Amino acid sequence: MIRPRTTMLSSAAPHAPEILSAPPWQDTIVPIAEALLSLVSAVENGPTAGPAVKAFQAAIRRKGEEASAAGGREAMESALRIVADAAQDRAERRDRIIGQAWAGLHDWRPEGRQP
């Protein structure tokens, strides 16, 4: 009877997989995206004009500025995806609401251009 091989030559040892580190902004973006989701939800269900809408747009813009400061365009896109993915049936509308509020922000995509 032949015994199974229980040792492995060092040249045949499996290599450890490369560990990809997450971008440093990833932990920071979660609370930003949660706040952004609350703001966008309020805009979706609230009035379409008036001072309240302007206040919500200003708050959404500030969250865009925070995301930009945390990780630039990549962090901003990530926050947008979190909000859009929270309700697939309203993703396009949420993208539009955020896009309007973030228009002209540093690191944000030019108006009307999708990623």
PDB file of N, CA and C in Angstrom:
ATOM      1  N   MET A   1       0.842  -1.177   0.000  1.00  0.00           N
ATOM      2  CA  MET A   1       0.000   0.000   0.000  1.00  0.00           C
ATOM      3  C   MET A   1       0.893   1.249   0.000  1.00  0.00           C
ATOM      4  N   ILE A   2       0.552   2.212  -0.813  1.00  0.00           N
ATOM      5  CA  ILE A   2       1.324   3.438  -0.904  1.00  0.00           C
ATOM      6  C   ILE A   2       0.643   4.506  -0.043  1.00  0.00           C
ATOM      7  N   ARG A   3       1.466   5.132   0.793  1.00  0.00           N
ATOM      8  CA  ARG A   3       0.928   6.196   1.645  1.00  0.00           C
ATOM      9  C   ARG A   3       0.794   7.477   0.838  1.00  0.00           C
ATOM     10  N   PRO A   4      -0.271   8.275   1.096  1.00  0.00           N
ATOM     11  CA  PRO A   4      -0.394   9.553   0.395  1.00  0.00           C
ATOM     12  C   PRO A   4       0.690  10.520   0.845  1.00  0.00           C
ATOM     13  N   ARG A   5       1.076  11.368  -0.035  1.00  0.00           N
ATOM     14  CA  ARG A   5       2.101  12.362   0.268  1.00  0.00           C
ATOM     15  C   ARG A   5       1.527  13.397   1.223  1.00  0.00           C
ATOM     16  N   THR A   6       2.192  13.627   2.322  1.00  0.00           N
ATOM     17  CA  THR A   6       1.700  14.576   3.319  1.00  0.00           C
ATOM     18  C   THR A   6       2.570  15.812   3.429  1.00  0.00           C
ATOM     19  N   THR A   7       3.679  15.797   2.773  1.00  0.00           N
ATOM     20  CA  THR A   7       4.544  16.967   2.813  1.00  0.00           C
ATOM     21  C   THR A   7       4.592  17.590   1.435  1.00  0.00           C
ATOM     22  N   MET A   8       4.917  18.826   1.425  1.00  0.00           N
ATOM     23  CA  MET A   8       4.942  19.548   0.172  1.00  0.00           C
ATOM     24  C   MET A   8       6.301  20.223   0.038  1.00  0.00           C
ATOM     25  N   LEU A   9       6.880  20.130  -1.095  1.00  0.00           N
ATOM     26  CA  LEU A   9       8.132  20.820  -1.335  1.00  0.00           C
ATOM     27  C   LEU A   9       7.897  22.320  -1.318  1.00  0.00           C
ATOM     28  N   SER A  10       8.876  23.048  -0.864  1.00  0.00           N
ATOM     29  CA  SER A  10       8.702  24.498  -0.768  1.00  0.00           C
ATOM     30  C   SER A  10       8.412  25.136  -2.118  1.00  0.00           C
ATOM     31  N   SER A  11       8.940  24.567  -3.196  1.00  0.00           N
ATOM     32  CA  SER A  11       8.675  25.139  -4.514  1.00  0.00           C
ATOM     33  C   SER A  11       7.246  24.877  -4.965  1.00  0.00           C
ATOM     34  N   ALA A  12       6.599  23.886  -4.361  1.00  0.00           N
ATOM     35  CA  ALA A  12       5.232  23.568  -4.734  1.00  0.00           C
ATOM     36  C   ALA A  12       4.211  24.189  -3.785  1.00  0.00           C
ATOM     37  N   ALA A  13       4.688  24.897  -2.784  1.00  0.00           N
ATOM     38  CA  ALA A  13       3.775  25.520  -1.821  1.00  0.00           C
ATOM     39  C   ALA A  13       2.936  26.576  -2.523  1.00  0.00           C
ATOM     40  N   PRO A  14       1.651  26.611  -2.207  1.00  0.00           N
ATOM     41  CA  PRO A  14       0.803  27.625  -2.842  1.00  0.00           C
ATOM     42  C   PRO A  14       1.202  29.023  -2.380  1.00  0.00           C
ATOM     43  N   HIS A  15       1.102  29.947  -3.292  1.00  0.00           N
ATOM     44  CA  HIS A  15       1.434  31.326  -2.957  1.00  0.00           C
ATOM     45  C   HIS A  15       0.246  31.982  -2.283  1.00  0.00           C
ATOM     46  N   ALA A  16       0.524  32.819  -1.331  1.00  0.00           N
ATOM     47  CA  ALA A  16      -0.545  33.545  -0.651  1.00  0.00           C
ATOM     48  C   ALA A  16      -1.153  34.532  -1.645  1.00  0.00           C
ATOM     49  N   PRO A  17      -2.470  34.623  -1.680  1.00  0.00           N
ATOM     50  CA  PRO A  17      -3.089  35.575  -2.615  1.00  0.00           C
ATOM     51  C   PRO A  17      -2.722  36.999  -2.223  1.00  0.00           C
ATOM     52  N   GLU A  18      -2.621  37.806  -3.235  1.00  0.00           N
ATOM     53  CA  GLU A  18      -2.337  39.213  -2.966  1.00  0.00           C
ATOM     54  C   GLU A  18      -3.524  39.835  -2.243  1.00  0.00           C
ATOM     55  N   ILE A  19      -3.236  40.562  -1.225  1.00  0.00           N
ATOM     56  CA  ILE A  19      -4.297  41.215  -0.464  1.00  0.00           C
ATOM     57  C   ILE A  19      -4.474  42.623  -1.025  1.00  0.00           C
ATOM     58  N   LEU A  20      -5.641  42.851  -1.546  1.00  0.00           N
ATOM     59  CA  LEU A  20      -5.935  44.165  -2.092  1.00  0.00           C
ATOM     60  C   LEU A  20      -6.520  45.013  -0.976  1.00  0.00           C
ATOM     61  N   SER A  21      -5.904  46.105  -0.726  1.00  0.00           N
ATOM     62  CA  SER A  21      -6.427  46.962   0.330  1.00  0.00           C
ATOM     63  C   SER A  21      -7.505  47.874  -0.245  1.00  0.00           C
ATOM     64  N   ALA A  22      -8.507  48.115   0.566  1.00  0.00           N
ATOM     65  CA  ALA A  22      -9.604  48.994   0.159  1.00  0.00           C
ATOM     66  C   ALA A  22      -9.103  50.430   0.171  1.00  0.00           C
ATOM     67  N   PRO A  23      -9.691  51.264  -0.675  1.00  0.00           N
ATOM     68  CA  PRO A  23      -9.302  52.671  -0.654  1.00  0.00           C
ATOM     69  C   PRO A  23      -9.547  53.261   0.739  1.00  0.00           C
ATOM     70  N   PRO A  24      -8.717  54.189   1.168  1.00  0.00           N
ATOM     71  CA  PRO A  24      -8.849  54.742   2.519  1.00  0.00           C
ATOM     72  C   PRO A  24     -10.171  55.468   2.761  1.00  0.00           C
ATOM     73  N   TRP A  25     -10.837  55.899   1.717  1.00  0.00           N
ATOM     74  CA  TRP A  25     -12.082  56.644   1.879  1.00  0.00           C
ATOM     75  C   TRP A  25     -13.283  55.740   2.104  1.00  0.00           C
ATOM     76  N   GLN A  26     -13.134  54.428   1.935  1.00  0.00           N
ATOM     77  CA  GLN A  26     -14.288  53.545   1.958  1.00  0.00           C
ATOM     78  C   GLN A  26     -15.038  53.555   3.289  1.00  0.00           C
ATOM     79  N   ASP A  27     -14.351  53.626   4.396  1.00  0.00           N
ATOM     80  CA  ASP A  27     -15.030  53.695   5.691  1.00  0.00           C
ATOM     81  C   ASP A  27     -15.716  55.043   5.883  1.00  0.00           C
ATOM     82  N   THR A  28     -15.133  56.071   5.338  1.00  0.00           N
ATOM     83  CA  THR A  28     -15.681  57.421   5.476  1.00  0.00           C
ATOM     84  C   THR A  28     -16.939  57.613   4.643  1.00  0.00           C
ATOM     85  N   ILE A  29     -17.042  56.917   3.534  1.00  0.00           N
ATOM     86  CA  ILE A  29     -18.141  57.160   2.599  1.00  0.00           C
ATOM     87  C   ILE A  29     -19.470  56.594   3.093  1.00  0.00           C
ATOM     88  N   VAL A  30     -19.446  55.601   3.951  1.00  0.00           N
ATOM     89  CA  VAL A  30     -20.692  54.972   4.408  1.00  0.00           C
ATOM     90  C   VAL A  30     -21.609  55.964   5.119  1.00  0.00           C
ATOM     91  N   PRO A  31     -21.147  56.703   6.131  1.00  0.00           N
ATOM     92  CA  PRO A  31     -22.061  57.668   6.760  1.00  0.00           C
ATOM     93  C   PRO A  31     -22.475  58.805   5.821  1.00  0.00           C
ATOM     94  N   ILE A  32     -21.602  59.170   4.906  1.00  0.00           N
ATOM     95  CA  ILE A  32     -21.945  60.205   3.919  1.00  0.00           C
ATOM     96  C   ILE A  32     -23.074  59.690   3.032  1.00  0.00           C
ATOM     97  N   ALA A  33     -22.953  58.461   2.564  1.00  0.00           N
ATOM     98  CA  ALA A  33     -23.978  57.875   1.692  1.00  0.00           C
ATOM     99  C   ALA A  33     -25.299  57.690   2.438  1.00  0.00           C
ATOM    100  N   GLU A  34     -25.239  57.316   3.708  1.00  0.00           N
ATOM    101  CA  GLU A  34     -26.473  57.158   4.490  1.00  0.00           C
ATOM    102  C   GLU A  34     -27.200  58.491   4.635  1.00  0.00           C
ATOM    103  N   ALA A  35     -26.454  59.546   4.929  1.00  0.00           N
ATOM    104  CA  ALA A  35     -27.066  60.875   5.034  1.00  0.00           C
ATOM    105  C   ALA A  35     -27.608  61.314   3.685  1.00  0.00           C
ATOM    106  N   LEU A  36     -26.865  61.050   2.640  1.00  0.00           N
ATOM    107  CA  LEU A  36     -27.290  61.391   1.285  1.00  0.00           C
ATOM    108  C   LEU A  36     -28.576  60.654   0.920  1.00  0.00           C
ATOM    109  N   LEU A  37     -28.673  59.403   1.293  1.00  0.00           N
ATOM    110  CA  LEU A  37     -29.875  58.616   1.033  1.00  0.00           C
ATOM    111  C   LEU A  37     -31.092  59.229   1.731  1.00  0.00           C
ATOM    112  N   SER A  38     -30.923  59.661   2.967  1.00  0.00           N
ATOM    113  CA  SER A  38     -32.025  60.305   3.695  1.00  0.00           C
ATOM    114  C   SER A  38     -32.460  61.600   3.015  1.00  0.00           C
ATOM    115  N   LEU A  39     -31.493  62.382   2.590  1.00  0.00           N
ATOM    116  CA  LEU A  39     -31.800  63.653   1.933  1.00  0.00           C
ATOM    117  C   LEU A  39     -32.513  63.436   0.596  1.00  0.00           C
ATOM    118  N   VAL A  40     -32.007  62.514  -0.193  1.00  0.00           N
ATOM    119  CA  VAL A  40     -32.606  62.251  -1.497  1.00  0.00           C
ATOM    120  C   VAL A  40     -34.017  61.679  -1.336  1.00  0.00           C
ATOM    121  N   SER A  41     -34.206  60.823  -0.353  1.00  0.00           N
ATOM    122  CA  SER A  41     -35.543  60.279  -0.088  1.00  0.00           C
ATOM    123  C   SER A  41     -36.520  61.384   0.268  1.00  0.00           C
ATOM    124  N   ALA A  42     -36.072  62.348   1.048  1.00  0.00           N
ATOM    125  CA  ALA A  42     -36.930  63.476   1.418  1.00  0.00           C
ATOM    126  C   ALA A  42     -37.284  64.311   0.190  1.00  0.00           C
ATOM    127  N   VAL A  43     -36.322  64.499  -0.708  1.00  0.00           N
ATOM    128  CA  VAL A  43     -36.581  65.271  -1.922  1.00  0.00           C
ATOM    129  C   VAL A  43     -37.573  64.530  -2.811  1.00  0.00           C
ATOM    130  N   GLU A  44     -37.431  63.224  -2.910  1.00  0.00           N
ATOM    131  CA  GLU A  44     -38.342  62.423  -3.740  1.00  0.00           C
ATOM    132  C   GLU A  44     -39.783  62.519  -3.255  1.00  0.00           C
ATOM    133  N   ASN A  45     -39.964  62.558  -1.959  1.00  0.00           N
ATOM    134  CA  ASN A  45     -41.298  62.525  -1.375  1.00  0.00           C
ATOM    135  C   ASN A  45     -41.821  63.882  -0.930  1.00  0.00           C
ATOM    136  N   GLY A  46     -41.044  64.920  -1.140  1.00  0.00           N
ATOM    137  CA  GLY A  46     -41.430  66.241  -0.661  1.00  0.00           C
ATOM    138  C   GLY A  46     -41.873  67.171  -1.765  1.00  0.00           C
ATOM    139  N   PRO A  47     -41.914  68.440  -1.447  1.00  0.00           N
ATOM    140  CA  PRO A  47     -42.323  69.442  -2.436  1.00  0.00           C
ATOM    141  C   PRO A  47     -41.305  69.535  -3.570  1.00  0.00           C
ATOM    142  N   THR A  48     -41.753  70.084  -4.698  1.00  0.00           N
ATOM    143  CA  THR A  48     -40.869  70.192  -5.861  1.00  0.00           C
ATOM    144  C   THR A  48     -40.284  71.590  -6.035  1.00  0.00           C
ATOM    145  N   ALA A  49     -40.732  72.528  -5.242  1.00  0.00           N
ATOM    146  CA  ALA A  49     -40.209  73.895  -5.330  1.00  0.00           C
ATOM    147  C   ALA A  49     -40.288  74.538  -3.957  1.00  0.00           C
ATOM    148  N   GLY A  50     -39.567  75.637  -3.822  1.00  0.00           N
ATOM    149  CA  GLY A  50     -39.629  76.395  -2.581  1.00  0.00           C
ATOM    150  C   GLY A  50     -38.348  76.309  -1.781  1.00  0.00           C
ATOM    151  N   PRO A  51     -38.352  76.968  -0.623  1.00  0.00           N
ATOM    152  CA  PRO A  51     -37.136  77.041   0.189  1.00  0.00           C
ATOM    153  C   PRO A  51     -36.690  75.681   0.726  1.00  0.00           C
ATOM    154  N   ALA A  52     -37.634  74.789   0.987  1.00  0.00           N
ATOM    155  CA  ALA A  52     -37.254  73.462   1.493  1.00  0.00           C
ATOM    156  C   ALA A  52     -36.433  72.701   0.457  1.00  0.00           C
ATOM    157  N   VAL A  53     -36.823  72.782  -0.793  1.00  0.00           N
ATOM    158  CA  VAL A  53     -36.092  72.097  -1.861  1.00  0.00           C
ATOM    159  C   VAL A  53     -34.686  72.667  -1.977  1.00  0.00           C
ATOM    160  N   LYS A  54     -34.554  73.984  -1.894  1.00  0.00           N
ATOM    161  CA  LYS A  54     -33.236  74.617  -1.956  1.00  0.00           C
ATOM    162  C   LYS A  54     -32.360  74.185  -0.792  1.00  0.00           C
ATOM    163  N   ALA A  55     -32.964  74.050   0.375  1.00  0.00           N
ATOM    164  CA  ALA A  55     -32.208  73.604   1.548  1.00  0.00           C
ATOM    165  C   ALA A  55     -31.733  72.160   1.371  1.00  0.00           C
ATOM    166  N   PHE A  56     -32.603  71.305   0.849  1.00  0.00           N
ATOM    167  CA  PHE A  56     -32.204  69.920   0.606  1.00  0.00           C
ATOM    168  C   PHE A  56     -31.096  69.849  -0.444  1.00  0.00           C
ATOM    169  N   GLN A  57     -31.214  70.632  -1.500  1.00  0.00           N
ATOM    170  CA  GLN A  57     -30.183  70.635  -2.541  1.00  0.00           C
ATOM    171  C   GLN A  57     -28.841  71.103  -1.980  1.00  0.00           C
ATOM    172  N   ALA A  58     -28.878  72.107  -1.118  1.00  0.00           N
ATOM    173  CA  ALA A  58     -27.640  72.591  -0.504  1.00  0.00           C
ATOM    174  C   ALA A  58     -27.025  71.505   0.382  1.00  0.00           C
ATOM    175  N   ALA A  59     -27.853  70.783   1.122  1.00  0.00           N
ATOM    176  CA  ALA A  59     -27.358  69.706   1.979  1.00  0.00           C
ATOM    177  C   ALA A  59     -26.787  68.556   1.145  1.00  0.00           C
ATOM    178  N   ILE A  60     -27.443  68.224   0.036  1.00  0.00           N
ATOM    179  CA  ILE A  60     -26.950  67.177  -0.864  1.00  0.00           C
ATOM    180  C   ILE A  60     -25.604  67.608  -1.450  1.00  0.00           C
ATOM    181  N   ARG A  61     -25.485  68.865  -1.807  1.00  0.00           N
ATOM    182  CA  ARG A  61     -24.225  69.391  -2.338  1.00  0.00           C
ATOM    183  C   ARG A  61     -23.096  69.284  -1.304  1.00  0.00           C
ATOM    184  N   ARG A  62     -23.416  69.605  -0.033  1.00  0.00           N
ATOM    185  CA  ARG A  62     -22.398  69.499   1.022  1.00  0.00           C
ATOM    186  C   ARG A  62     -21.917  68.052   1.169  1.00  0.00           C
ATOM    187  N   LYS A  63     -22.832  67.098   1.033  1.00  0.00           N
ATOM    188  CA  LYS A  63     -22.433  65.687   1.102  1.00  0.00           C
ATOM    189  C   LYS A  63     -21.530  65.336  -0.079  1.00  0.00           C
ATOM    190  N   GLY A  64     -21.784  65.932  -1.225  1.00  0.00           N
ATOM    191  CA  GLY A  64     -20.901  65.734  -2.378  1.00  0.00           C
ATOM    192  C   GLY A  64     -19.515  66.297  -2.112  1.00  0.00           C
ATOM    193  N   GLU A  65     -19.471  67.455  -1.479  1.00  0.00           N
ATOM    194  CA  GLU A  65     -18.185  68.053  -1.125  1.00  0.00           C
ATOM    195  C   GLU A  65     -17.427  67.172  -0.132  1.00  0.00           C
ATOM    196  N   GLU A  66     -18.154  66.590   0.825  1.00  0.00           N
ATOM    197  CA  GLU A  66     -17.530  65.693   1.803  1.00  0.00           C
ATOM    198  C   GLU A  66     -16.986  64.435   1.107  1.00  0.00           C
ATOM    199  N   ALA A  67     -17.769  63.883   0.202  1.00  0.00           N
ATOM    200  CA  ALA A  67     -17.328  62.693  -0.526  1.00  0.00           C
ATOM    201  C   ALA A  67     -16.106  63.018  -1.380  1.00  0.00           C
ATOM    202  N   SER A  68     -16.115  64.170  -2.020  1.00  0.00           N
ATOM    203  CA  SER A  68     -14.982  64.588  -2.835  1.00  0.00           C
ATOM    204  C   SER A  68     -13.722  64.735  -1.985  1.00  0.00           C
ATOM    205  N   ALA A  69     -13.872  65.337  -0.822  1.00  0.00           N
ATOM    206  CA  ALA A  69     -12.735  65.511   0.077  1.00  0.00           C
ATOM    207  C   ALA A  69     -12.221  64.164   0.594  1.00  0.00           C
ATOM    208  N   ALA A  70     -13.125  63.206   0.748  1.00  0.00           N
ATOM    209  CA  ALA A  70     -12.738  61.895   1.264  1.00  0.00           C
ATOM    210  C   ALA A  70     -11.984  61.060   0.240  1.00  0.00           C
ATOM    211  N   GLY A  71     -12.383  61.146  -1.042  1.00  0.00           N
ATOM    212  CA  GLY A  71     -11.740  60.273  -2.028  1.00  0.00           C
ATOM    213  C   GLY A  71     -11.937  60.662  -3.464  1.00  0.00           C
ATOM    214  N   GLY A  72     -12.292  61.916  -3.704  1.00  0.00           N
ATOM    215  CA  GLY A  72     -12.427  62.380  -5.084  1.00  0.00           C
ATOM    216  C   GLY A  72     -13.615  61.767  -5.798  1.00  0.00           C
ATOM    217  N   ARG A  73     -13.486  61.737  -7.114  1.00  0.00           N
ATOM    218  CA  ARG A  73     -14.589  61.264  -7.955  1.00  0.00           C
ATOM    219  C   ARG A  73     -14.989  59.825  -7.640  1.00  0.00           C
ATOM    220  N   GLU A  74     -14.017  58.986  -7.343  1.00  0.00           N
ATOM    221  CA  GLU A  74     -14.305  57.580  -7.048  1.00  0.00           C
ATOM    222  C   GLU A  74     -15.212  57.459  -5.815  1.00  0.00           C
ATOM    223  N   ALA A  75     -14.945  58.237  -4.797  1.00  0.00           N
ATOM    224  CA  ALA A  75     -15.781  58.219  -3.592  1.00  0.00           C
ATOM    225  C   ALA A  75     -17.160  58.793  -3.886  1.00  0.00           C
ATOM    226  N   MET A  76     -17.218  59.830  -4.706  1.00  0.00           N
ATOM    227  CA  MET A  76     -18.503  60.425  -5.065  1.00  0.00           C
ATOM    228  C   MET A  76     -19.357  59.423  -5.837  1.00  0.00           C
ATOM    229  N   GLU A  77     -18.752  58.737  -6.802  1.00  0.00           N
ATOM    230  CA  GLU A  77     -19.485  57.736  -7.571  1.00  0.00           C
ATOM    231  C   GLU A  77     -19.955  56.599  -6.671  1.00  0.00           C
ATOM    232  N   SER A  78     -19.124  56.225  -5.704  1.00  0.00           N
ATOM    233  CA  SER A  78     -19.501  55.168  -4.777  1.00  0.00           C
ATOM    234  C   SER A  78     -20.713  55.575  -3.945  1.00  0.00           C
ATOM    235  N   ALA A  79     -20.718  56.803  -3.441  1.00  0.00           N
ATOM    236  CA  ALA A  79     -21.857  57.298  -2.665  1.00  0.00           C
ATOM    237  C   ALA A  79     -23.112  57.320  -3.530  1.00  0.00           C
ATOM    238  N   LEU A  80     -22.982  57.777  -4.748  1.00  0.00           N
ATOM    239  CA  LEU A  80     -24.118  57.806  -5.675  1.00  0.00           C
ATOM    240  C   LEU A  80     -24.655  56.397  -5.916  1.00  0.00           C
ATOM    241  N   ARG A  81     -23.760  55.427  -6.118  1.00  0.00           N
ATOM    242  CA  ARG A  81     -24.189  54.049  -6.359  1.00  0.00           C
ATOM    243  C   ARG A  81     -24.912  53.468  -5.138  1.00  0.00           C
ATOM    244  N   ILE A  82     -24.447  53.776  -3.949  1.00  0.00           N
ATOM    245  CA  ILE A  82     -25.108  53.292  -2.731  1.00  0.00           C
ATOM    246  C   ILE A  82     -26.533  53.811  -2.677  1.00  0.00           C
ATOM    247  N   VAL A  83     -26.705  55.089  -2.962  1.00  0.00           N
ATOM    248  CA  VAL A  83     -28.038  55.700  -2.928  1.00  0.00           C
ATOM    249  C   VAL A  83     -28.917  55.123  -4.036  1.00  0.00           C
ATOM    250  N   ALA A  84     -28.383  55.016  -5.231  1.00  0.00           N
ATOM    251  CA  ALA A  84     -29.174  54.502  -6.358  1.00  0.00           C
ATOM    252  C   ALA A  84     -29.531  53.029  -6.157  1.00  0.00           C
ATOM    253  N   ASP A  85     -28.605  52.253  -5.648  1.00  0.00           N
ATOM    254  CA  ASP A  85     -28.850  50.825  -5.451  1.00  0.00           C
ATOM    255  C   ASP A  85     -29.831  50.525  -4.331  1.00  0.00           C
ATOM    256  N   ALA A  86     -30.075  51.487  -3.476  1.00  0.00           N
ATOM    257  CA  ALA A  86     -31.016  51.286  -2.372  1.00  0.00           C
ATOM    258  C   ALA A  86     -32.449  51.118  -2.880  1.00  0.00           C
ATOM    259  N   ALA A  87     -32.735  51.633  -4.065  1.00  0.00           N
ATOM    260  CA  ALA A  87     -34.063  51.484  -4.684  1.00  0.00           C
ATOM    261  C   ALA A  87     -33.877  51.486  -6.194  1.00  0.00           C
ATOM    262  N   GLN A  88     -33.735  50.306  -6.765  1.00  0.00           N
ATOM    263  CA  GLN A  88     -33.462  50.186  -8.198  1.00  0.00           C
ATOM    264  C   GLN A  88     -34.523  50.861  -9.068  1.00  0.00           C
ATOM    265  N   ASP A  89     -35.770  50.833  -8.621  1.00  0.00           N
ATOM    266  CA  ASP A  89     -36.841  51.438  -9.409  1.00  0.00           C
ATOM    267  C   ASP A  89     -36.755  52.957  -9.438  1.00  0.00           C
ATOM    268  N   ARG A  90     -35.992  53.553  -8.521  1.00  0.00           N
ATOM    269  CA  ARG A  90     -35.837  55.009  -8.486  1.00  0.00           C
ATOM    270  C   ARG A  90     -34.403  55.449  -8.737  1.00  0.00           C
ATOM    271  N   ALA A  91     -33.573  54.540  -9.190  1.00  0.00           N
ATOM    272  CA  ALA A  91     -32.150  54.831  -9.362  1.00  0.00           C
ATOM    273  C   ALA A  91     -31.894  55.992 -10.320  1.00  0.00           C
ATOM    274  N   GLU A  92     -32.588  56.006 -11.436  1.00  0.00           N
ATOM    275  CA  GLU A  92     -32.376  57.066 -12.431  1.00  0.00           C
ATOM    276  C   GLU A  92     -32.768  58.434 -11.872  1.00  0.00           C
ATOM    277  N   ARG A  93     -33.886  58.475 -11.180  1.00  0.00           N
ATOM    278  CA  ARG A  93     -34.339  59.743 -10.578  1.00  0.00           C
ATOM    279  C   ARG A  93     -33.352  60.217  -9.513  1.00  0.00           C
ATOM    280  N   ARG A  94     -32.872  59.301  -8.692  1.00  0.00           N
ATOM    281  CA  ARG A  94     -31.905  59.658  -7.645  1.00  0.00           C
ATOM    282  C   ARG A  94     -30.597  60.149  -8.259  1.00  0.00           C
ATOM    283  N   ASP A  95     -30.173  59.518  -9.323  1.00  0.00           N
ATOM    284  CA  ASP A  95     -28.975  59.955 -10.031  1.00  0.00           C
ATOM    285  C   ASP A  95     -29.150  61.395 -10.525  1.00  0.00           C
ATOM    286  N   ARG A  96     -30.321  61.681 -11.040  1.00  0.00           N
ATOM    287  CA  ARG A  96     -30.615  63.025 -11.554  1.00  0.00           C
ATOM    288  C   ARG A  96     -30.641  64.061 -10.416  1.00  0.00           C
ATOM    289  N   ILE A  97     -31.273  63.718  -9.286  1.00  0.00           N
ATOM    290  CA  ILE A  97     -31.349  64.637  -8.141  1.00  0.00           C
ATOM    291  C   ILE A  97     -29.949  64.970  -7.640  1.00  0.00           C
ATOM    292  N   ILE A  98     -29.135  63.940  -7.479  1.00  0.00           N
ATOM    293  CA  ILE A  98     -27.771  64.159  -6.996  1.00  0.00           C
ATOM    294  C   ILE A  98     -26.943  64.899  -8.035  1.00  0.00           C
ATOM    295  N   GLY A  99     -27.080  64.508  -9.293  1.00  0.00           N
ATOM    296  CA  GLY A  99     -26.338  65.167 -10.365  1.00  0.00           C
ATOM    297  C   GLY A  99     -26.609  66.661 -10.449  1.00  0.00           C
ATOM    298  N   GLN A 100     -27.871  67.048 -10.250  1.00  0.00           N
ATOM    299  CA  GLN A 100     -28.219  68.473 -10.273  1.00  0.00           C
ATOM    300  C   GLN A 100     -27.589  69.211  -9.098  1.00  0.00           C
ATOM    301  N   ALA A 101     -27.616  68.594  -7.927  1.00  0.00           N
ATOM    302  CA  ALA A 101     -27.057  69.246  -6.744  1.00  0.00           C
ATOM    303  C   ALA A 101     -25.532  69.305  -6.794  1.00  0.00           C
ATOM    304  N   TRP A 102     -24.914  68.306  -7.417  1.00  0.00           N
ATOM    305  CA  TRP A 102     -23.461  68.244  -7.466  1.00  0.00           C
ATOM    306  C   TRP A 102     -22.862  68.909  -8.697  1.00  0.00           C
ATOM    307  N   ALA A 103     -23.684  69.420  -9.583  1.00  0.00           N
ATOM    308  CA  ALA A 103     -23.182  70.052 -10.807  1.00  0.00           C
ATOM    309  C   ALA A 103     -22.154  71.132 -10.464  1.00  0.00           C
ATOM    310  N   GLY A 104     -21.022  71.067 -11.122  1.00  0.00           N
ATOM    311  CA  GLY A 104     -19.975  72.058 -10.923  1.00  0.00           C
ATOM    312  C   GLY A 104     -19.011  71.757  -9.789  1.00  0.00           C
ATOM    313  N   LEU A 105     -19.273  70.702  -9.005  1.00  0.00           N
ATOM    314  CA  LEU A 105     -18.337  70.352  -7.931  1.00  0.00           C
ATOM    315  C   LEU A 105     -17.046  69.807  -8.526  1.00  0.00           C
ATOM    316  N   HIS A 106     -15.950  70.111  -7.868  1.00  0.00           N
ATOM    317  CA  HIS A 106     -14.658  69.573  -8.264  1.00  0.00           C
ATOM    318  C   HIS A 106     -14.736  68.045  -8.199  1.00  0.00           C
ATOM    319  N   ASP A 107     -14.163  67.363  -9.130  1.00  0.00           N
ATOM    320  CA  ASP A 107     -14.130  65.905  -9.233  1.00  0.00           C
ATOM    321  C   ASP A 107     -15.415  65.300  -9.773  1.00  0.00           C
ATOM    322  N   TRP A 108     -16.485  66.082  -9.951  1.00  0.00           N
ATOM    323  CA  TRP A 108     -17.735  65.504 -10.427  1.00  0.00           C
ATOM    324  C   TRP A 108     -17.740  65.472 -11.936  1.00  0.00           C
ATOM    325  N   ARG A 109     -18.494  64.535 -12.481  1.00  0.00           N
ATOM    326  CA  ARG A 109     -18.568  64.366 -13.929  1.00  0.00           C
ATOM    327  C   ARG A 109     -19.273  65.565 -14.568  1.00  0.00           C
ATOM    328  N   PRO A 110     -18.885  65.880 -15.794  1.00  0.00           N
ATOM    329  CA  PRO A 110     -19.555  66.986 -16.490  1.00  0.00           C
ATOM    330  C   PRO A 110     -21.039  66.710 -16.632  1.00  0.00           C
ATOM    331  N   GLU A 111     -21.819  67.741 -16.653  1.00  0.00           N
ATOM    332  CA  GLU A 111     -23.289  67.637 -16.738  1.00  0.00           C
ATOM    333  C   GLU A 111     -23.707  66.758 -17.897  1.00  0.00           C
ATOM    334  N   GLY A 112     -24.590  65.817 -17.611  1.00  0.00           N
ATOM    335  CA  GLY A 112     -25.157  64.968 -18.639  1.00  0.00           C
ATOM    336  C   GLY A 112     -24.290  63.791 -19.045  1.00  0.00           C
ATOM    337  N   ARG A 113     -23.089  63.673 -18.506  1.00  0.00           N
ATOM    338  CA  ARG A 113     -22.197  62.582 -18.884  1.00  0.00           C
ATOM    339  C   ARG A 113     -22.225  61.505 -17.820  1.00  0.00           C
ATOM    340  N   GLN A 114     -22.581  60.309 -18.224  1.00  0.00           N
ATOM    341  CA  GLN A 114     -22.648  59.171 -17.310  1.00  0.00           C
ATOM    342  C   GLN A 114     -21.285  58.507 -17.204  1.00  0.00           C
ATOM    343  N   PRO A 115     -21.035  57.792 -16.110  1.00  0.00           N
ATOM    344  CA  PRO A 115     -19.730  57.110 -15.951  1.00  0.00           C
ATOM    345  C   PRO A 115     -19.557  56.016 -16.965  1.00  0.00           C
TER     346      PRO A 115
END
